[in-house]
Amino acid sequence: MILRKFMPRDFEQVLAIEMEAFTEHNPFVYMNFYEMKDEGFLVATMDSNIIGFVMGYRSETNEGRIFSLAVKKEWQNIGVGKKLLNSILDLFKDKGIKSATLEVRISNDKAIQMYRNMDFIACWIEQDYYSDGESGIIMKKQLSPRSWVNHSKNISFEVPSLSDTKFRLPDNI
């Protein structure tokens, strides 16, 4: 498997994966994303065929935002999604981004479990997030330890991580 930047010739294959994976479709978003934020658009290939993709960018709040991640059904559950996600997270880290955010359908148990296994935590639920009325879970991952430094004494204090935050979500999340 090879991971590389998206190229315009990949459009049809990416669109086919998008249509297989998601219920909402907007083909223009992929070319627009490429034109505006091309380095955050990665594809996974096997024998010249696109088997998955991830799209991410730096948000206005200086946070990594994972916009979309999808893998062809026959390539799911073998680590392709994890490799794509790790690649975009590494890109964020290289740019000095300290945290990443994504949203996932509340019914997408496989994706939720993958994100949890990769240290994303569920922060809150957005009711009616998707156009079909389904709710979305907003998840975050801290990419580097947050610390506060008192420069006058050169002492560093660790700030509790997001995983220390106390909140209660339904058990199936």
C-alpha atoms as a PDB file:
ATOM      1  CA  MET A   1       0.000   0.000   0.000  1.00  0.00           C
ATOM      2  CA  ILE A   2       1.252   3.465  -0.901  1.00  0.00           C
ATOM      3  CA  LEU A   3       0.035   6.714   0.677  1.00  0.00           C
ATOM      4  CA  ARG A   4       0.395   9.855  -1.402  1.00  0.00           C
ATOM      5  CA  LYS A   5      -1.177  13.226  -2.109  1.00  0.00           C
ATOM      6  CA  PHE A   6      -4.428  13.297  -4.053  1.00  0.00           C
ATOM      7  CA  MET A   7      -4.097  14.226  -7.730  1.00  0.00           C
ATOM      8  CA  PRO A   8      -6.910  15.355 -10.047  1.00  0.00           C
ATOM      9  CA  ARG A   9      -6.758  12.050 -11.935  1.00  0.00           C
ATOM     10  CA  ASP A  10      -7.870  10.340  -8.663  1.00  0.00           C
ATOM     11  CA  PHE A  11     -11.180  12.197  -8.638  1.00  0.00           C
ATOM     12  CA  GLU A  12     -13.399   9.439 -10.089  1.00  0.00           C
ATOM     13  CA  GLN A  13     -12.035   6.730  -7.784  1.00  0.00           C
ATOM     14  CA  VAL A  14     -12.304   8.952  -4.704  1.00  0.00           C
ATOM     15  CA  LEU A  15     -15.858   9.868  -5.662  1.00  0.00           C
ATOM     16  CA  ALA A  16     -16.761   6.165  -6.011  1.00  0.00           C
ATOM     17  CA  ILE A  17     -15.436   5.476  -2.494  1.00  0.00           C
ATOM     18  CA  GLU A  18     -17.279   8.519  -1.154  1.00  0.00           C
ATOM     19  CA  MET A  19     -20.554   7.310  -2.677  1.00  0.00           C
ATOM     20  CA  GLU A  20     -20.034   3.840  -1.204  1.00  0.00           C
ATOM     21  CA  ALA A  21     -19.154   5.134   2.257  1.00  0.00           C
ATOM     22  CA  PHE A  22     -21.432   8.118   2.838  1.00  0.00           C
ATOM     23  CA  THR A  23     -25.112   8.911   2.435  1.00  0.00           C
ATOM     24  CA  GLU A  24     -24.490  12.597   1.674  1.00  0.00           C
ATOM     25  CA  HIS A  25     -22.709  13.389  -1.585  1.00  0.00           C
ATOM     26  CA  ASN A  26     -21.157  16.573  -2.894  1.00  0.00           C
ATOM     27  CA  PRO A  27     -18.614  15.800  -5.621  1.00  0.00           C
ATOM     28  CA  PHE A  28     -17.468  19.420  -5.906  1.00  0.00           C
ATOM     29  CA  VAL A  29     -16.123  19.400  -2.373  1.00  0.00           C
ATOM     30  CA  TYR A  30     -13.222  17.123  -3.351  1.00  0.00           C
ATOM     31  CA  MET A  31     -11.840  19.262  -6.157  1.00  0.00           C
ATOM     32  CA  ASN A  32     -12.436  22.434  -4.129  1.00  0.00           C
ATOM     33  CA  PHE A  33     -10.578  20.886  -1.207  1.00  0.00           C
ATOM     34  CA  TYR A  34      -7.712  19.896  -3.498  1.00  0.00           C
ATOM     35  CA  GLU A  35      -7.496  23.398  -4.960  1.00  0.00           C
ATOM     36  CA  MET A  36      -7.465  25.075  -1.545  1.00  0.00           C
ATOM     37  CA  LYS A  37      -5.753  22.592   0.780  1.00  0.00           C
ATOM     38  CA  ASP A  38      -4.073  20.018  -1.431  1.00  0.00           C
ATOM     39  CA  GLU A  39      -1.399  18.866   1.012  1.00  0.00           C
ATOM     40  CA  GLY A  40      -4.076  17.668   3.439  1.00  0.00           C
ATOM     41  CA  PHE A  41      -5.738  15.395   0.885  1.00  0.00           C
ATOM     42  CA  LEU A  42      -4.130  11.948   0.939  1.00  0.00           C
ATOM     43  CA  VAL A  43      -5.029   8.715  -0.828  1.00  0.00           C
ATOM     44  CA  ALA A  44      -4.082   5.105  -0.140  1.00  0.00           C
ATOM     45  CA  THR A  45      -3.345   3.074  -3.263  1.00  0.00           C
ATOM     46  CA  MET A  46      -2.850  -0.585  -4.032  1.00  0.00           C
ATOM     47  CA  ASP A  47      -1.711  -1.511  -7.545  1.00  0.00           C
ATOM     48  CA  SER A  48      -2.629   1.975  -8.825  1.00  0.00           C
ATOM     49  CA  ASN A  49      -6.162   1.714  -7.426  1.00  0.00           C
ATOM     50  CA  ILE A  50      -7.394   4.122  -4.766  1.00  0.00           C
ATOM     51  CA  ILE A  51      -8.551   2.121  -1.736  1.00  0.00           C
ATOM     52  CA  GLY A  52      -9.110   4.989   0.700  1.00  0.00           C
ATOM     53  CA  PHE A  53      -8.634   8.682   1.343  1.00  0.00           C
ATOM     54  CA  VAL A  54      -8.428  11.258   4.104  1.00  0.00           C
ATOM     55  CA  MET A  55      -8.924  15.022   3.989  1.00  0.00           C
ATOM     56  CA  GLY A  56      -7.739  17.341   6.744  1.00  0.00           C
ATOM     57  CA  TYR A  57      -6.759  20.946   7.282  1.00  0.00           C
ATOM     58  CA  ARG A  58      -5.753  23.523   9.880  1.00  0.00           C
ATOM     59  CA  SER A  59      -8.870  25.265  11.191  1.00  0.00           C
ATOM     60  CA  GLU A  60      -9.179  28.949  12.039  1.00  0.00           C
ATOM     61  CA  THR A  61      -8.676  27.976  15.694  1.00  0.00           C
ATOM     62  CA  ASN A  62      -5.311  26.355  14.817  1.00  0.00           C
ATOM     63  CA  GLU A  63      -6.712  22.884  15.328  1.00  0.00           C
ATOM     64  CA  GLY A  64      -6.351  19.961  12.940  1.00  0.00           C
ATOM     65  CA  ARG A  65      -9.723  19.238  11.379  1.00  0.00           C
ATOM     66  CA  ILE A  66     -10.307  15.836   9.814  1.00  0.00           C
ATOM     67  CA  PHE A  67     -12.921  16.589   7.210  1.00  0.00           C
ATOM     68  CA  SER A  68     -13.391  13.152   5.660  1.00  0.00           C
ATOM     69  CA  LEU A  69     -11.973   9.636   5.892  1.00  0.00           C
ATOM     70  CA  ALA A  70     -13.222   6.657   3.890  1.00  0.00           C
ATOM     71  CA  VAL A  71     -11.964   3.235   2.844  1.00  0.00           C
ATOM     72  CA  LYS A  72     -13.409   0.887   0.211  1.00  0.00           C
ATOM     73  CA  LYS A  73     -15.513  -1.783   1.900  1.00  0.00           C
ATOM     74  CA  GLU A  74     -13.293  -4.670   0.781  1.00  0.00           C
ATOM     75  CA  TRP A  75     -10.254  -2.926   2.319  1.00  0.00           C
ATOM     76  CA  GLN A  76     -11.839  -2.111   5.687  1.00  0.00           C
ATOM     77  CA  ASN A  77     -10.751  -3.667   8.999  1.00  0.00           C
ATOM     78  CA  ILE A  78      -7.155  -4.309   7.895  1.00  0.00           C
ATOM     79  CA  GLY A  79      -5.540  -1.030   8.976  1.00  0.00           C
ATOM     80  CA  VAL A  80      -5.963   1.184   5.897  1.00  0.00           C
ATOM     81  CA  GLY A  81      -8.082   3.756   7.754  1.00  0.00           C
ATOM     82  CA  LYS A  82      -5.652   3.775  10.662  1.00  0.00           C
ATOM     83  CA  LYS A  83      -2.691   4.407   8.329  1.00  0.00           C
ATOM     84  CA  LEU A  84      -4.533   7.234   6.598  1.00  0.00           C
ATOM     85  CA  LEU A  85      -5.520   8.769   9.925  1.00  0.00           C
ATOM     86  CA  ASN A  86      -1.987   8.479  11.325  1.00  0.00           C
ATOM     87  CA  SER A  87      -0.614  10.123   8.179  1.00  0.00           C
ATOM     88  CA  ILE A  88      -2.863  13.168   8.458  1.00  0.00           C
ATOM     89  CA  LEU A  89      -2.168  13.399  12.210  1.00  0.00           C
ATOM     90  CA  ASP A  90       1.583  13.331  11.473  1.00  0.00           C
ATOM     91  CA  LEU A  91       1.069  16.132   8.953  1.00  0.00           C
ATOM     92  CA  PHE A  92      -0.749  18.142  11.633  1.00  0.00           C
ATOM     93  CA  LYS A  93       2.064  17.524  14.148  1.00  0.00           C
ATOM     94  CA  ASP A  94       4.683  18.606  11.593  1.00  0.00           C
ATOM     95  CA  LYS A  95       2.797  21.896  11.264  1.00  0.00           C
ATOM     96  CA  GLY A  96       2.811  22.429  15.046  1.00  0.00           C
ATOM     97  CA  ILE A  97      -0.896  21.679  15.468  1.00  0.00           C
ATOM     98  CA  LYS A  98      -1.629  20.517  19.015  1.00  0.00           C
ATOM     99  CA  SER A  99      -5.021  18.796  18.643  1.00  0.00           C
ATOM    100  CA  ALA A 100      -7.298  17.244  16.040  1.00  0.00           C
ATOM    101  CA  THR A 101     -11.087  17.163  15.781  1.00  0.00           C
ATOM    102  CA  LEU A 102     -13.504  15.094  13.735  1.00  0.00           C
ATOM    103  CA  GLU A 103     -17.147  14.172  13.713  1.00  0.00           C
ATOM    104  CA  VAL A 104     -18.652  10.751  13.182  1.00  0.00           C
ATOM    105  CA  ARG A 105     -22.190   9.462  12.795  1.00  0.00           C
ATOM    106  CA  ILE A 106     -23.542   8.149  16.062  1.00  0.00           C
ATOM    107  CA  SER A 107     -24.439   4.889  14.265  1.00  0.00           C
ATOM    108  CA  ASN A 108     -20.911   4.273  12.884  1.00  0.00           C
ATOM    109  CA  ASP A 109     -19.714   1.886  15.590  1.00  0.00           C
ATOM    110  CA  LYS A 110     -16.637   0.673  13.650  1.00  0.00           C
ATOM    111  CA  ALA A 111     -15.316   4.186  13.093  1.00  0.00           C
ATOM    112  CA  ILE A 112     -16.056   5.230  16.680  1.00  0.00           C
ATOM    113  CA  GLN A 113     -14.102   2.232  17.962  1.00  0.00           C
ATOM    114  CA  MET A 114     -11.168   2.946  15.638  1.00  0.00           C
ATOM    115  CA  TYR A 115     -11.038   6.573  16.783  1.00  0.00           C
ATOM    116  CA  ARG A 116     -11.206   5.507  20.438  1.00  0.00           C
ATOM    117  CA  ASN A 117      -8.392   3.013  19.872  1.00  0.00           C
ATOM    118  CA  MET A 118      -6.358   5.895  18.458  1.00  0.00           C
ATOM    119  CA  ASP A 119      -6.948   8.025  21.585  1.00  0.00           C
ATOM    120  CA  PHE A 120      -9.731  10.246  20.300  1.00  0.00           C
ATOM    121  CA  ILE A 121     -12.269  11.048  22.985  1.00  0.00           C
ATOM    122  CA  ALA A 122     -15.939  11.835  22.540  1.00  0.00           C
ATOM    123  CA  CYS A 123     -16.515  15.445  23.578  1.00  0.00           C
ATOM    124  CA  TRP A 124     -20.176  16.025  22.808  1.00  0.00           C
ATOM    125  CA  ILE A 125     -23.071  15.012  20.610  1.00  0.00           C
ATOM    126  CA  GLU A 126     -24.454  17.349  17.952  1.00  0.00           C
ATOM    127  CA  GLN A 127     -28.144  16.549  17.552  1.00  0.00           C
ATOM    128  CA  ASP A 128     -29.414  16.456  13.950  1.00  0.00           C
ATOM    129  CA  TYR A 129     -25.879  17.059  12.672  1.00  0.00           C
ATOM    130  CA  TYR A 130     -26.395  15.322   9.333  1.00  0.00           C
ATOM    131  CA  SER A 131     -28.994  16.245   6.720  1.00  0.00           C
ATOM    132  CA  ASP A 132     -30.930  13.026   7.362  1.00  0.00           C
ATOM    133  CA  GLY A 133     -31.369  14.013  11.017  1.00  0.00           C
ATOM    134  CA  GLU A 134     -28.774  11.642  12.476  1.00  0.00           C
ATOM    135  CA  SER A 135     -26.676  12.970  15.333  1.00  0.00           C
ATOM    136  CA  GLY A 136     -22.907  13.272  15.159  1.00  0.00           C
ATOM    137  CA  ILE A 137     -20.298  12.731  17.837  1.00  0.00           C
ATOM    138  CA  ILE A 138     -17.557  15.344  18.005  1.00  0.00           C
ATOM    139  CA  MET A 139     -14.268  13.674  18.925  1.00  0.00           C
ATOM    140  CA  LYS A 140     -10.874  15.168  19.753  1.00  0.00           C
ATOM    141  CA  LYS A 141      -7.335  13.965  20.108  1.00  0.00           C
ATOM    142  CA  GLN A 142      -4.510  15.790  21.794  1.00  0.00           C
ATOM    143  CA  LEU A 143      -1.438  15.592  19.547  1.00  0.00           C
ATOM    144  CA  SER A 144       1.155  16.874  21.998  1.00  0.00           C
ATOM    145  CA  PRO A 145       1.213  17.468  25.732  1.00  0.00           C
ATOM    146  CA  ARG A 146      -0.092  20.849  26.733  1.00  0.00           C
ATOM    147  CA  SER A 147       1.973  22.655  29.295  1.00  0.00           C
ATOM    148  CA  TRP A 148       2.100  26.077  30.835  1.00  0.00           C
ATOM    149  CA  VAL A 149       5.499  27.620  31.469  1.00  0.00           C
ATOM    150  CA  ASN A 150       6.238  30.296  34.049  1.00  0.00           C
ATOM    151  CA  HIS A 151       9.135  31.955  32.239  1.00  0.00           C
ATOM    152  CA  SER A 152      10.232  33.969  35.264  1.00  0.00           C
ATOM    153  CA  LYS A 153      11.069  30.755  37.142  1.00  0.00           C
ATOM    154  CA  ASN A 154      11.453  28.417  34.146  1.00  0.00           C
ATOM    155  CA  ILE A 155       9.063  25.893  35.703  1.00  0.00           C
ATOM    156  CA  SER A 156       6.720  23.810  33.567  1.00  0.00           C
ATOM    157  CA  PHE A 157       3.340  22.562  34.780  1.00  0.00           C
ATOM    158  CA  GLU A 158       1.390  19.846  32.981  1.00  0.00           C
ATOM    159  CA  VAL A 159      -2.187  20.723  32.176  1.00  0.00           C
ATOM    160  CA  PRO A 160      -4.670  17.841  32.464  1.00  0.00           C
ATOM    161  CA  SER A 161      -5.285  16.194  29.110  1.00  0.00           C
ATOM    162  CA  LEU A 162      -8.653  16.086  27.372  1.00  0.00           C
ATOM    163  CA  SER A 163      -9.027  12.475  28.502  1.00  0.00           C
ATOM    164  CA  ASP A 164      -9.212  13.722  32.109  1.00  0.00           C
ATOM    165  CA  THR A 165     -12.356  15.684  31.305  1.00  0.00           C
ATOM    166  CA  LYS A 166     -15.392  14.291  33.113  1.00  0.00           C
ATOM    167  CA  PHE A 167     -18.553  13.924  31.117  1.00  0.00           C
ATOM    168  CA  ARG A 168     -21.190  11.276  30.549  1.00  0.00           C
ATOM    169  CA  LEU A 169     -22.265  10.027  27.144  1.00  0.00           C
ATOM    170  CA  PRO A 170     -24.565   7.135  26.325  1.00  0.00           C
ATOM    171  CA  ASP A 171     -22.887   3.734  26.823  1.00  0.00           C
ATOM    172  CA  ASN A 172     -22.915   2.895  23.116  1.00  0.00           C
ATOM    173  CA  ILE A 173     -20.561   5.766  22.281  1.00  0.00           C
END
